[in-house]
Amino acid sequence: MNKNIAPFIAIIILFIVIAVVIINWFNYRLKKRIIDSGPIDADAISFLKRLSDMGLEQLKWGAVLFSGGLGLVILNYLPYDSDSPLPYGLEIMFIAAGFLAYYFIVRKAENK
């Protein structure tokens, strides 16, 4: 079964990477056009700051997906019964840890 799902996951990851590159490229072009258009008012500055915060969104999903994947790897090595709620609870705890890690990283960055 792993041989059948690996190409599917690889294709999905490839499309996600391509989408992120395209979004960042268009954001860069938009920021460059706004800056090159002339004097910048307060609204344009706030819009540029919102475009620059996209890295935090990617950090959040990277932390959540990494911690969720780590939870699945750990579940692979733990013995549990098929009716046990252990896998659900453990996976939810790892995903929550990813969200908490993101929160503390952003909070630390805002305090600097």
PDB file of N, CA and C in Angstrom:
ATOM      1  N   MET A   1       0.822  -1.201   0.000  1.00  0.00           N
ATOM      2  CA  MET A   1       0.000   0.000   0.000  1.00  0.00           C
ATOM      3  C   MET A   1       0.858   1.254   0.000  1.00  0.00           C
ATOM      4  N   ASN A   2       2.010   1.228   0.648  1.00  0.00           N
ATOM      5  CA  ASN A   2       2.884   2.386   0.672  1.00  0.00           C
ATOM      6  C   ASN A   2       3.404   2.735  -0.714  1.00  0.00           C
ATOM      7  N   LYS A   3       3.588   1.734  -1.565  1.00  0.00           N
ATOM      8  CA  LYS A   3       4.063   2.000  -2.917  1.00  0.00           C
ATOM      9  C   LYS A   3       2.993   2.703  -3.741  1.00  0.00           C
ATOM     10  N   ASN A   4       1.740   2.474  -3.435  1.00  0.00           N
ATOM     11  CA  ASN A   4       0.656   3.103  -4.185  1.00  0.00           C
ATOM     12  C   ASN A   4       0.396   4.533  -3.739  1.00  0.00           C
ATOM     13  N   ILE A   5       0.627   4.848  -2.482  1.00  0.00           N
ATOM     14  CA  ILE A   5       0.297   6.170  -1.977  1.00  0.00           C
ATOM     15  C   ILE A   5       1.458   7.162  -2.126  1.00  0.00           C
ATOM     16  N   ALA A   6       2.679   6.677  -2.226  1.00  0.00           N
ATOM     17  CA  ALA A   6       3.847   7.563  -2.311  1.00  0.00           C
ATOM     18  C   ALA A   6       3.809   8.484  -3.536  1.00  0.00           C
ATOM     19  N   PRO A   7       3.489   8.010  -4.746  1.00  0.00           N
ATOM     20  CA  PRO A   7       3.418   8.946  -5.883  1.00  0.00           C
ATOM     21  C   PRO A   7       2.306   9.982  -5.717  1.00  0.00           C
ATOM     22  N   PHE A   8       1.201   9.583  -5.122  1.00  0.00           N
ATOM     23  CA  PHE A   8       0.096  10.514  -4.893  1.00  0.00           C
ATOM     24  C   PHE A   8       0.526  11.639  -3.954  1.00  0.00           C
ATOM     25  N   ILE A   9       1.212  11.289  -2.868  1.00  0.00           N
ATOM     26  CA  ILE A   9       1.685  12.298  -1.918  1.00  0.00           C
ATOM     27  C   ILE A   9       2.740  13.182  -2.566  1.00  0.00           C
ATOM     28  N   ALA A  10       3.611  12.605  -3.383  1.00  0.00           N
ATOM     29  CA  ALA A  10       4.646  13.386  -4.062  1.00  0.00           C
ATOM     30  C   ALA A  10       4.029  14.398  -5.023  1.00  0.00           C
ATOM     31  N   ILE A  11       3.001  14.012  -5.722  1.00  0.00           N
ATOM     32  CA  ILE A  11       2.329  14.928  -6.654  1.00  0.00           C
ATOM     33  C   ILE A  11       1.650  16.063  -5.893  1.00  0.00           C
ATOM     34  N   ILE A  12       1.011  15.745  -4.786  1.00  0.00           N
ATOM     35  CA  ILE A  12       0.353  16.778  -3.985  1.00  0.00           C
ATOM     36  C   ILE A  12       1.386  17.767  -3.452  1.00  0.00           C
ATOM     37  N   ILE A  13       2.506  17.265  -2.943  1.00  0.00           N
ATOM     38  CA  ILE A  13       3.557  18.144  -2.433  1.00  0.00           C
ATOM     39  C   ILE A  13       4.128  19.009  -3.543  1.00  0.00           C
ATOM     40  N   LEU A  14       4.299  18.448  -4.716  1.00  0.00           N
ATOM     41  CA  LEU A  14       4.797  19.222  -5.851  1.00  0.00           C
ATOM     42  C   LEU A  14       3.851  20.365  -6.200  1.00  0.00           C
ATOM     43  N   PHE A  15       2.544  20.089  -6.248  1.00  0.00           N
ATOM     44  CA  PHE A  15       1.580  21.144  -6.544  1.00  0.00           C
ATOM     45  C   PHE A  15       1.544  22.204  -5.459  1.00  0.00           C
ATOM     46  N   ILE A  16       1.706  21.821  -4.201  1.00  0.00           N
ATOM     47  CA  ILE A  16       1.720  22.800  -3.121  1.00  0.00           C
ATOM     48  C   ILE A  16       2.944  23.701  -3.227  1.00  0.00           C
ATOM     49  N   VAL A  17       4.093  23.120  -3.515  1.00  0.00           N
ATOM     50  CA  VAL A  17       5.320  23.912  -3.661  1.00  0.00           C
ATOM     51  C   VAL A  17       5.192  24.880  -4.840  1.00  0.00           C
ATOM     52  N   ILE A  18       4.658  24.414  -5.948  1.00  0.00           N
ATOM     53  CA  ILE A  18       4.463  25.285  -7.105  1.00  0.00           C
ATOM     54  C   ILE A  18       3.503  26.423  -6.770  1.00  0.00           C
ATOM     55  N   ALA A  19       2.422  26.123  -6.054  1.00  0.00           N
ATOM     56  CA  ALA A  19       1.453  27.158  -5.670  1.00  0.00           C
ATOM     57  C   ALA A  19       2.092  28.197  -4.760  1.00  0.00           C
ATOM     58  N   VAL A  20       2.903  27.769  -3.799  1.00  0.00           N
ATOM     59  CA  VAL A  20       3.553  28.712  -2.889  1.00  0.00           C
ATOM     60  C   VAL A  20       4.531  29.596  -3.651  1.00  0.00           C
ATOM     61  N   VAL A  21       5.276  29.026  -4.575  1.00  0.00           N
ATOM     62  CA  VAL A  21       6.223  29.823  -5.366  1.00  0.00           C
ATOM     63  C   VAL A  21       5.477  30.849  -6.220  1.00  0.00           C
ATOM     64  N   ILE A  22       4.387  30.451  -6.840  1.00  0.00           N
ATOM     65  CA  ILE A  22       3.619  31.384  -7.674  1.00  0.00           C
ATOM     66  C   ILE A  22       3.010  32.494  -6.831  1.00  0.00           C
ATOM     67  N   ILE A  23       2.465  32.161  -5.681  1.00  0.00           N
ATOM     68  CA  ILE A  23       1.869  33.181  -4.811  1.00  0.00           C
ATOM     69  C   ILE A  23       2.925  34.172  -4.352  1.00  0.00           C
ATOM     70  N   ASN A  24       4.083  33.676  -3.940  1.00  0.00           N
ATOM     71  CA  ASN A  24       5.150  34.584  -3.513  1.00  0.00           C
ATOM     72  C   ASN A  24       5.658  35.448  -4.658  1.00  0.00           C
ATOM     73  N   TRP A  25       5.734  34.884  -5.842  1.00  0.00           N
ATOM     74  CA  TRP A  25       6.186  35.667  -6.993  1.00  0.00           C
ATOM     75  C   TRP A  25       5.206  36.792  -7.306  1.00  0.00           C
ATOM     76  N   PHE A  26       3.895  36.508  -7.296  1.00  0.00           N
ATOM     77  CA  PHE A  26       2.906  37.553  -7.556  1.00  0.00           C
ATOM     78  C   PHE A  26       2.880  38.590  -6.439  1.00  0.00           C
ATOM     79  N   ASN A  27       3.078  38.175  -5.192  1.00  0.00           N
ATOM     80  CA  ASN A  27       3.154  39.145  -4.101  1.00  0.00           C
ATOM     81  C   ASN A  27       4.352  40.066  -4.273  1.00  0.00           C
ATOM     82  N   TYR A  28       5.481  39.502  -4.701  1.00  0.00           N
ATOM     83  CA  TYR A  28       6.664  40.313  -4.951  1.00  0.00           C
ATOM     84  C   TYR A  28       6.403  41.330  -6.062  1.00  0.00           C
ATOM     85  N   ARG A  29       5.791  40.880  -7.151  1.00  0.00           N
ATOM     86  CA  ARG A  29       5.495  41.793  -8.266  1.00  0.00           C
ATOM     87  C   ARG A  29       4.543  42.896  -7.845  1.00  0.00           C
ATOM     88  N   LEU A  30       3.538  42.536  -7.028  1.00  0.00           N
ATOM     89  CA  LEU A  30       2.578  43.533  -6.563  1.00  0.00           C
ATOM     90  C   LEU A  30       3.253  44.561  -5.656  1.00  0.00           C
ATOM     91  N   LYS A  31       4.092  44.097  -4.733  1.00  0.00           N
ATOM     92  CA  LYS A  31       4.807  45.025  -3.861  1.00  0.00           C
ATOM     93  C   LYS A  31       5.719  45.946  -4.670  1.00  0.00           C
ATOM     94  N   LYS A  32       6.393  45.393  -5.665  1.00  0.00           N
ATOM     95  CA  LYS A  32       7.292  46.196  -6.493  1.00  0.00           C
ATOM     96  C   LYS A  32       6.520  47.255  -7.270  1.00  0.00           C
ATOM     97  N   ARG A  33       5.368  46.896  -7.814  1.00  0.00           N
ATOM     98  CA  ARG A  33       4.559  47.878  -8.552  1.00  0.00           C
ATOM     99  C   ARG A  33       4.030  48.975  -7.634  1.00  0.00           C
ATOM    100  N   ILE A  34       3.643  48.611  -6.421  1.00  0.00           N
ATOM    101  CA  ILE A  34       3.147  49.622  -5.487  1.00  0.00           C
ATOM    102  C   ILE A  34       4.266  50.583  -5.115  1.00  0.00           C
ATOM    103  N   ILE A  35       5.449  50.064  -4.863  1.00  0.00           N
ATOM    104  CA  ILE A  35       6.575  50.922  -4.493  1.00  0.00           C
ATOM    105  C   ILE A  35       7.017  51.776  -5.672  1.00  0.00           C
ATOM    106  N   ASP A  36       7.027  51.223  -6.874  1.00  0.00           N
ATOM    107  CA  ASP A  36       7.454  51.973  -8.054  1.00  0.00           C
ATOM    108  C   ASP A  36       6.428  52.991  -8.529  1.00  0.00           C
ATOM    109  N   SER A  37       5.192  52.901  -8.040  1.00  0.00           N
ATOM    110  CA  SER A  37       4.136  53.800  -8.531  1.00  0.00           C
ATOM    111  C   SER A  37       4.285  55.229  -8.031  1.00  0.00           C
ATOM    112  N   GLY A  38       5.085  55.449  -7.032  1.00  0.00           N
ATOM    113  CA  GLY A  38       5.271  56.814  -6.558  1.00  0.00           C
ATOM    114  C   GLY A  38       5.137  56.896  -5.055  1.00  0.00           C
ATOM    115  N   PRO A  39       4.707  58.072  -4.580  1.00  0.00           N
ATOM    116  CA  PRO A  39       4.576  58.251  -3.124  1.00  0.00           C
ATOM    117  C   PRO A  39       3.590  57.237  -2.519  1.00  0.00           C
ATOM    118  N   ILE A  40       3.969  56.743  -1.364  1.00  0.00           N
ATOM    119  CA  ILE A  40       3.176  55.707  -0.706  1.00  0.00           C
ATOM    120  C   ILE A  40       2.468  56.322   0.494  1.00  0.00           C
ATOM    121  N   ASP A  41       1.145  56.121   0.571  1.00  0.00           N
ATOM    122  CA  ASP A  41       0.387  56.622   1.713  1.00  0.00           C
ATOM    123  C   ASP A  41       0.279  55.533   2.792  1.00  0.00           C
ATOM    124  N   ALA A  42      -0.436  55.826   3.863  1.00  0.00           N
ATOM    125  CA  ALA A  42      -0.545  54.899   4.999  1.00  0.00           C
ATOM    126  C   ALA A  42      -1.286  53.619   4.618  1.00  0.00           C
ATOM    127  N   ASP A  43      -2.275  53.735   3.727  1.00  0.00           N
ATOM    128  CA  ASP A  43      -3.015  52.548   3.310  1.00  0.00           C
ATOM    129  C   ASP A  43      -2.120  51.580   2.537  1.00  0.00           C
ATOM    130  N   ALA A  44      -1.286  52.118   1.682  1.00  0.00           N
ATOM    131  CA  ALA A  44      -0.381  51.264   0.908  1.00  0.00           C
ATOM    132  C   ALA A  44       0.645  50.596   1.817  1.00  0.00           C
ATOM    133  N   ILE A  45       1.099  51.306   2.826  1.00  0.00           N
ATOM    134  CA  ILE A  45       2.072  50.717   3.761  1.00  0.00           C
ATOM    135  C   ILE A  45       1.439  49.583   4.540  1.00  0.00           C
ATOM    136  N   SER A  46       0.196  49.756   4.994  1.00  0.00           N
ATOM    137  CA  SER A  46      -0.474  48.678   5.737  1.00  0.00           C
ATOM    138  C   SER A  46      -0.734  47.481   4.823  1.00  0.00           C
ATOM    139  N   PHE A  47      -1.047  47.742   3.552  1.00  0.00           N
ATOM    140  CA  PHE A  47      -1.252  46.649   2.597  1.00  0.00           C
ATOM    141  C   PHE A  47       0.045  45.888   2.350  1.00  0.00           C
ATOM    142  N   LEU A  48       1.157  46.608   2.245  1.00  0.00           N
ATOM    143  CA  LEU A  48       2.451  45.962   2.049  1.00  0.00           C
ATOM    144  C   LEU A  48       2.842  45.113   3.264  1.00  0.00           C
ATOM    145  N   LYS A  49       2.506  45.590   4.454  1.00  0.00           N
ATOM    146  CA  LYS A  49       2.800  44.801   5.657  1.00  0.00           C
ATOM    147  C   LYS A  49       1.988  43.521   5.687  1.00  0.00           C
ATOM    148  N   ARG A  50       0.734  43.580   5.233  1.00  0.00           N
ATOM    149  CA  ARG A  50      -0.087  42.366   5.194  1.00  0.00           C
ATOM    150  C   ARG A  50       0.476  41.363   4.199  1.00  0.00           C
ATOM    151  N   LEU A  51       1.000  41.836   3.080  1.00  0.00           N
ATOM    152  CA  LEU A  51       1.615  40.929   2.109  1.00  0.00           C
ATOM    153  C   LEU A  51       2.892  40.314   2.658  1.00  0.00           C
ATOM    154  N   SER A  52       3.601  41.034   3.499  1.00  0.00           N
ATOM    155  CA  SER A  52       4.856  40.525   4.053  1.00  0.00           C
ATOM    156  C   SER A  52       4.630  39.504   5.152  1.00  0.00           C
ATOM    157  N   ASP A  53       3.444  39.441   5.735  1.00  0.00           N
ATOM    158  CA  ASP A  53       3.164  38.510   6.820  1.00  0.00           C
ATOM    159  C   ASP A  53       2.849  37.106   6.332  1.00  0.00           C
ATOM    160  N   MET A  54       2.975  36.832   5.048  1.00  0.00           N
ATOM    161  CA  MET A  54       2.665  35.503   4.524  1.00  0.00           C
ATOM    162  C   MET A  54       3.625  34.450   5.063  1.00  0.00           C
ATOM    163  N   GLY A  55       4.830  34.820   5.450  1.00  0.00           N
ATOM    164  CA  GLY A  55       5.771  33.864   6.001  1.00  0.00           C
ATOM    165  C   GLY A  55       5.281  33.259   7.300  1.00  0.00           C
ATOM    166  N   LEU A  56       4.542  34.045   8.090  1.00  0.00           N
ATOM    167  CA  LEU A  56       4.012  33.526   9.342  1.00  0.00           C
ATOM    168  C   LEU A  56       2.939  32.480   9.093  1.00  0.00           C
ATOM    169  N   GLU A  57       2.158  32.666   8.070  1.00  0.00           N
ATOM    170  CA  GLU A  57       1.131  31.673   7.735  1.00  0.00           C
ATOM    171  C   GLU A  57       1.790  30.364   7.307  1.00  0.00           C
ATOM    172  N   GLN A  58       2.844  30.454   6.558  1.00  0.00           N
ATOM    173  CA  GLN A  58       3.561  29.248   6.138  1.00  0.00           C
ATOM    174  C   GLN A  58       4.251  28.586   7.314  1.00  0.00           C
ATOM    175  N   LEU A  59       4.746  29.396   8.251  1.00  0.00           N
ATOM    176  CA  LEU A  59       5.359  28.842   9.455  1.00  0.00           C
ATOM    177  C   LEU A  59       4.329  28.067  10.267  1.00  0.00           C
ATOM    178  N   LYS A  60       3.118  28.614  10.366  1.00  0.00           N
ATOM    179  CA  LYS A  60       2.077  27.938  11.139  1.00  0.00           C
ATOM    180  C   LYS A  60       1.771  26.569  10.562  1.00  0.00           C
ATOM    181  N   TRP A  61       1.530  26.512   9.273  1.00  0.00           N
ATOM    182  CA  TRP A  61       1.166  25.226   8.673  1.00  0.00           C
ATOM    183  C   TRP A  61       2.347  24.273   8.634  1.00  0.00           C
ATOM    184  N   GLY A  62       3.556  24.797   8.513  1.00  0.00           N
ATOM    185  CA  GLY A  62       4.729  23.942   8.581  1.00  0.00           C
ATOM    186  C   GLY A  62       4.881  23.306   9.958  1.00  0.00           C
ATOM    187  N   ALA A  63       4.659  24.100  11.021  1.00  0.00           N
ATOM    188  CA  ALA A  63       4.763  23.569  12.384  1.00  0.00           C
ATOM    189  C   ALA A  63       3.671  22.540  12.652  1.00  0.00           C
ATOM    190  N   VAL A  64       2.452  22.827  12.196  1.00  0.00           N
ATOM    191  CA  VAL A  64       1.336  21.907  12.434  1.00  0.00           C
ATOM    192  C   VAL A  64       1.537  20.608  11.663  1.00  0.00           C
ATOM    193  N   LEU A  65       1.918  20.689  10.403  1.00  0.00           N
ATOM    194  CA  LEU A  65       2.122  19.477   9.614  1.00  0.00           C
ATOM    195  C   LEU A  65       3.311  18.666  10.117  1.00  0.00           C
ATOM    196  N   PHE A  66       4.371  19.344  10.533  1.00  0.00           N
ATOM    197  CA  PHE A  66       5.529  18.627  11.067  1.00  0.00           C
ATOM    198  C   PHE A  66       5.168  17.891  12.347  1.00  0.00           C
ATOM    199  N   SER A  67       4.481  18.576  13.259  1.00  0.00           N
ATOM    200  CA  SER A  67       4.134  17.917  14.518  1.00  0.00           C
ATOM    201  C   SER A  67       3.104  16.817  14.297  1.00  0.00           C
ATOM    202  N   GLY A  68       2.175  17.006  13.376  1.00  0.00           N
ATOM    203  CA  GLY A  68       1.220  15.943  13.053  1.00  0.00           C
ATOM    204  C   GLY A  68       1.907  14.734  12.456  1.00  0.00           C
ATOM    205  N   GLY A  69       2.857  14.952  11.578  1.00  0.00           N
ATOM    206  CA  GLY A  69       3.623  13.851  11.000  1.00  0.00           C
ATOM    207  C   GLY A  69       4.461  13.137  12.037  1.00  0.00           C
ATOM    208  N   LEU A  70       5.037  13.899  12.965  1.00  0.00           N
ATOM    209  CA  LEU A  70       5.810  13.292  14.041  1.00  0.00           C
ATOM    210  C   LEU A  70       4.917  12.423  14.920  1.00  0.00           C
ATOM    211  N   GLY A  71       3.687  12.881  15.166  1.00  0.00           N
ATOM    212  CA  GLY A  71       2.743  12.077  15.932  1.00  0.00           C
ATOM    213  C   GLY A  71       2.406  10.777  15.226  1.00  0.00           C
ATOM    214  N   LEU A  72       2.248  10.819  13.912  1.00  0.00           N
ATOM    215  CA  LEU A  72       1.962   9.598  13.157  1.00  0.00           C
ATOM    216  C   LEU A  72       3.142   8.629  13.178  1.00  0.00           C
ATOM    217  N   VAL A  73       4.355   9.165  13.120  1.00  0.00           N
ATOM    218  CA  VAL A  73       5.539   8.301  13.184  1.00  0.00           C
ATOM    219  C   VAL A  73       5.618   7.621  14.544  1.00  0.00           C
ATOM    220  N   ILE A  74       5.366   8.353  15.604  1.00  0.00           N
ATOM    221  CA  ILE A  74       5.405   7.767  16.942  1.00  0.00           C
ATOM    222  C   ILE A  74       4.301   6.730  17.103  1.00  0.00           C
ATOM    223  N   LEU A  75       3.118   6.997  16.542  1.00  0.00           N
ATOM    224  CA  LEU A  75       2.028   6.023  16.614  1.00  0.00           C
ATOM    225  C   LEU A  75       2.377   4.723  15.908  1.00  0.00           C
ATOM    226  N   ASN A  76       3.211   4.791  14.907  1.00  0.00           N
ATOM    227  CA  ASN A  76       3.619   3.599  14.179  1.00  0.00           C
ATOM    228  C   ASN A  76       4.386   2.627  15.079  1.00  0.00           C
ATOM    229  N   TYR A  77       5.094   3.159  16.077  1.00  0.00           N
ATOM    230  CA  TYR A  77       5.915   2.330  16.944  1.00  0.00           C
ATOM    231  C   TYR A  77       5.233   1.973  18.266  1.00  0.00           C
ATOM    232  N   LEU A  78       4.044   2.496  18.526  1.00  0.00           N
ATOM    233  CA  LEU A  78       3.342   2.182  19.776  1.00  0.00           C
ATOM    234  C   LEU A  78       2.333   1.062  19.554  1.00  0.00           C
ATOM    235  N   PRO A  79       2.294   0.109  20.461  1.00  0.00           N
ATOM    236  CA  PRO A  79       1.258  -0.926  20.353  1.00  0.00           C
ATOM    237  C   PRO A  79      -0.058  -0.417  20.956  1.00  0.00           C
ATOM    238  N   TYR A  80      -1.143  -0.587  20.234  1.00  0.00           N
ATOM    239  CA  TYR A  80      -2.453  -0.196  20.743  1.00  0.00           C
ATOM    240  C   TYR A  80      -3.510  -1.065  20.076  1.00  0.00           C
ATOM    241  N   ASP A  81      -4.643  -1.170  20.758  1.00  0.00           N
ATOM    242  CA  ASP A  81      -5.766  -1.952  20.254  1.00  0.00           C
ATOM    243  C   ASP A  81      -6.507  -1.141  19.197  1.00  0.00           C
ATOM    244  N   SER A  82      -7.169  -1.803  18.276  1.00  0.00           N
ATOM    245  CA  SER A  82      -7.866  -1.092  17.202  1.00  0.00           C
ATOM    246  C   SER A  82      -9.060  -0.284  17.719  1.00  0.00           C
ATOM    247  N   ASP A  83      -9.593  -0.630  18.878  1.00  0.00           N
ATOM    248  CA  ASP A  83     -10.715   0.119  19.453  1.00  0.00           C
ATOM    249  C   ASP A  83     -10.252   1.200  20.422  1.00  0.00           C
ATOM    250  N   SER A  84      -8.974   1.347  20.609  1.00  0.00           N
ATOM    251  CA  SER A  84      -8.419   2.274  21.586  1.00  0.00           C
ATOM    252  C   SER A  84      -8.502   3.718  21.076  1.00  0.00           C
ATOM    253  N   PRO A  85      -8.788   4.671  21.974  1.00  0.00           N
ATOM    254  CA  PRO A  85      -8.770   6.091  21.583  1.00  0.00           C
ATOM    255  C   PRO A  85      -7.361   6.690  21.623  1.00  0.00           C
ATOM    256  N   LEU A  86      -6.368   5.883  21.962  1.00  0.00           N
ATOM    257  CA  LEU A  86      -4.992   6.372  22.067  1.00  0.00           C
ATOM    258  C   LEU A  86      -4.490   7.073  20.802  1.00  0.00           C
ATOM    259  N   PRO A  87      -4.673   6.503  19.606  1.00  0.00           N
ATOM    260  CA  PRO A  87      -4.123   7.188  18.427  1.00  0.00           C
ATOM    261  C   PRO A  87      -4.748   8.556  18.184  1.00  0.00           C
ATOM    262  N   TYR A  88      -6.046   8.673  18.431  1.00  0.00           N
ATOM    263  CA  TYR A  88      -6.712   9.962  18.214  1.00  0.00           C
ATOM    264  C   TYR A  88      -6.217  11.007  19.196  1.00  0.00           C
ATOM    265  N   GLY A  89      -6.135  10.617  20.465  1.00  0.00           N
ATOM    266  CA  GLY A  89      -5.674  11.555  21.485  1.00  0.00           C
ATOM    267  C   GLY A  89      -4.234  11.973  21.280  1.00  0.00           C
ATOM    268  N   LEU A  90      -3.383  11.024  20.963  1.00  0.00           N
ATOM    269  CA  LEU A  90      -1.979  11.340  20.756  1.00  0.00           C
ATOM    270  C   LEU A  90      -1.780  12.239  19.535  1.00  0.00           C
ATOM    271  N   GLU A  91      -2.495  11.971  18.469  1.00  0.00           N
ATOM    272  CA  GLU A  91      -2.364  12.809  17.269  1.00  0.00           C
ATOM    273  C   GLU A  91      -2.874  14.220  17.531  1.00  0.00           C
ATOM    274  N   ILE A  92      -3.977  14.345  18.257  1.00  0.00           N
ATOM    275  CA  ILE A  92      -4.501  15.679  18.597  1.00  0.00           C
ATOM    276  C   ILE A  92      -3.506  16.428  19.483  1.00  0.00           C
ATOM    277  N   MET A  93      -2.854  15.719  20.401  1.00  0.00           N
ATOM    278  CA  MET A  93      -1.868  16.372  21.260  1.00  0.00           C
ATOM    279  C   MET A  93      -0.665  16.869  20.459  1.00  0.00           C
ATOM    280  N   PHE A  94      -0.215  16.093  19.482  1.00  0.00           N
ATOM    281  CA  PHE A  94       0.911  16.540  18.659  1.00  0.00           C
ATOM    282  C   PHE A  94       0.527  17.729  17.783  1.00  0.00           C
ATOM    283  N   ILE A  95      -0.667  17.717  17.222  1.00  0.00           N
ATOM    284  CA  ILE A  95      -1.111  18.854  16.408  1.00  0.00           C
ATOM    285  C   ILE A  95      -1.243  20.107  17.272  1.00  0.00           C
ATOM    286  N   ALA A  96      -1.790  19.952  18.486  1.00  0.00           N
ATOM    287  CA  ALA A  96      -1.889  21.088  19.404  1.00  0.00           C
ATOM    288  C   ALA A  96      -0.508  21.610  19.775  1.00  0.00           C
ATOM    289  N   ALA A  97       0.459  20.710  19.922  1.00  0.00           N
ATOM    290  CA  ALA A  97       1.829  21.140  20.222  1.00  0.00           C
ATOM    291  C   ALA A  97       2.400  21.962  19.060  1.00  0.00           C
ATOM    292  N   GLY A  98       2.047  21.608  17.831  1.00  0.00           N
ATOM    293  CA  GLY A  98       2.486  22.396  16.678  1.00  0.00           C
ATOM    294  C   GLY A  98       1.894  23.795  16.690  1.00  0.00           C
ATOM    295  N   PHE A  99       0.604  23.911  17.025  1.00  0.00           N
ATOM    296  CA  PHE A  99      -0.022  25.229  17.135  1.00  0.00           C
ATOM    297  C   PHE A  99       0.595  26.038  18.267  1.00  0.00           C
ATOM    298  N   LEU A 100       0.869  25.388  19.396  1.00  0.00           N
ATOM    299  CA  LEU A 100       1.504  26.093  20.513  1.00  0.00           C
ATOM    300  C   LEU A 100       2.910  26.556  20.168  1.00  0.00           C
ATOM    301  N   ALA A 101       3.657  25.730  19.471  1.00  0.00           N
ATOM    302  CA  ALA A 101       5.004  26.130  19.048  1.00  0.00           C
ATOM    303  C   ALA A 101       4.930  27.356  18.137  1.00  0.00           C
ATOM    304  N   TYR A 102       3.981  27.356  17.212  1.00  0.00           N
ATOM    305  CA  TYR A 102       3.797  28.520  16.331  1.00  0.00           C
ATOM    306  C   TYR A 102       3.451  29.758  17.143  1.00  0.00           C
ATOM    307  N   TYR A 103       2.543  29.606  18.114  1.00  0.00           N
ATOM    308  CA  TYR A 103       2.124  30.742  18.934  1.00  0.00           C
ATOM    309  C   TYR A 103       3.304  31.339  19.685  1.00  0.00           C
ATOM    310  N   PHE A 104       4.117  30.495  20.297  1.00  0.00           N
ATOM    311  CA  PHE A 104       5.244  31.006  21.065  1.00  0.00           C
ATOM    312  C   PHE A 104       6.315  31.623  20.164  1.00  0.00           C
ATOM    313  N   ILE A 105       6.518  31.080  18.983  1.00  0.00           N
ATOM    314  CA  ILE A 105       7.483  31.670  18.044  1.00  0.00           C
ATOM    315  C   ILE A 105       7.023  33.053  17.603  1.00  0.00           C
ATOM    316  N   VAL A 106       5.740  33.186  17.273  1.00  0.00           N
ATOM    317  CA  VAL A 106       5.216  34.493  16.830  1.00  0.00           C
ATOM    318  C   VAL A 106       5.231  35.489  17.982  1.00  0.00           C
ATOM    319  N   ARG A 107       4.871  35.029  19.160  1.00  0.00           N
ATOM    320  CA  ARG A 107       4.852  35.914  20.327  1.00  0.00           C
ATOM    321  C   ARG A 107       6.267  36.424  20.638  1.00  0.00           C
ATOM    322  N   LYS A 108       7.248  35.544  20.544  1.00  0.00           N
ATOM    323  CA  LYS A 108       8.631  35.937  20.777  1.00  0.00           C
ATOM    324  C   LYS A 108       9.105  36.929  19.715  1.00  0.00           C
ATOM    325  N   ALA A 109       8.685  36.715  18.467  1.00  0.00           N
ATOM    326  CA  ALA A 109       9.087  37.630  17.385  1.00  0.00           C
ATOM    327  C   ALA A 109       8.439  38.998  17.537  1.00  0.00           C
ATOM    328  N   GLU A 110       7.216  39.052  18.064  1.00  0.00           N
ATOM    329  CA  GLU A 110       6.532  40.327  18.243  1.00  0.00           C
ATOM    330  C   GLU A 110       7.141  41.126  19.387  1.00  0.00           C
ATOM    331  N   ASN A 111       7.702  40.465  20.387  1.00  0.00           N
ATOM    332  CA  ASN A 111       8.290  41.146  21.536  1.00  0.00           C
ATOM    333  C   ASN A 111       9.639  41.750  21.225  1.00  0.00           C
ATOM    334  N   LYS A 112      10.280  41.344  20.151  1.00  0.00           N
ATOM    335  CA  LYS A 112      11.603  41.880  19.795  1.00  0.00           C
ATOM    336  C   LYS A 112      11.508  43.244  19.218  1.00  0.00           C
TER     337      LYS A 112
END
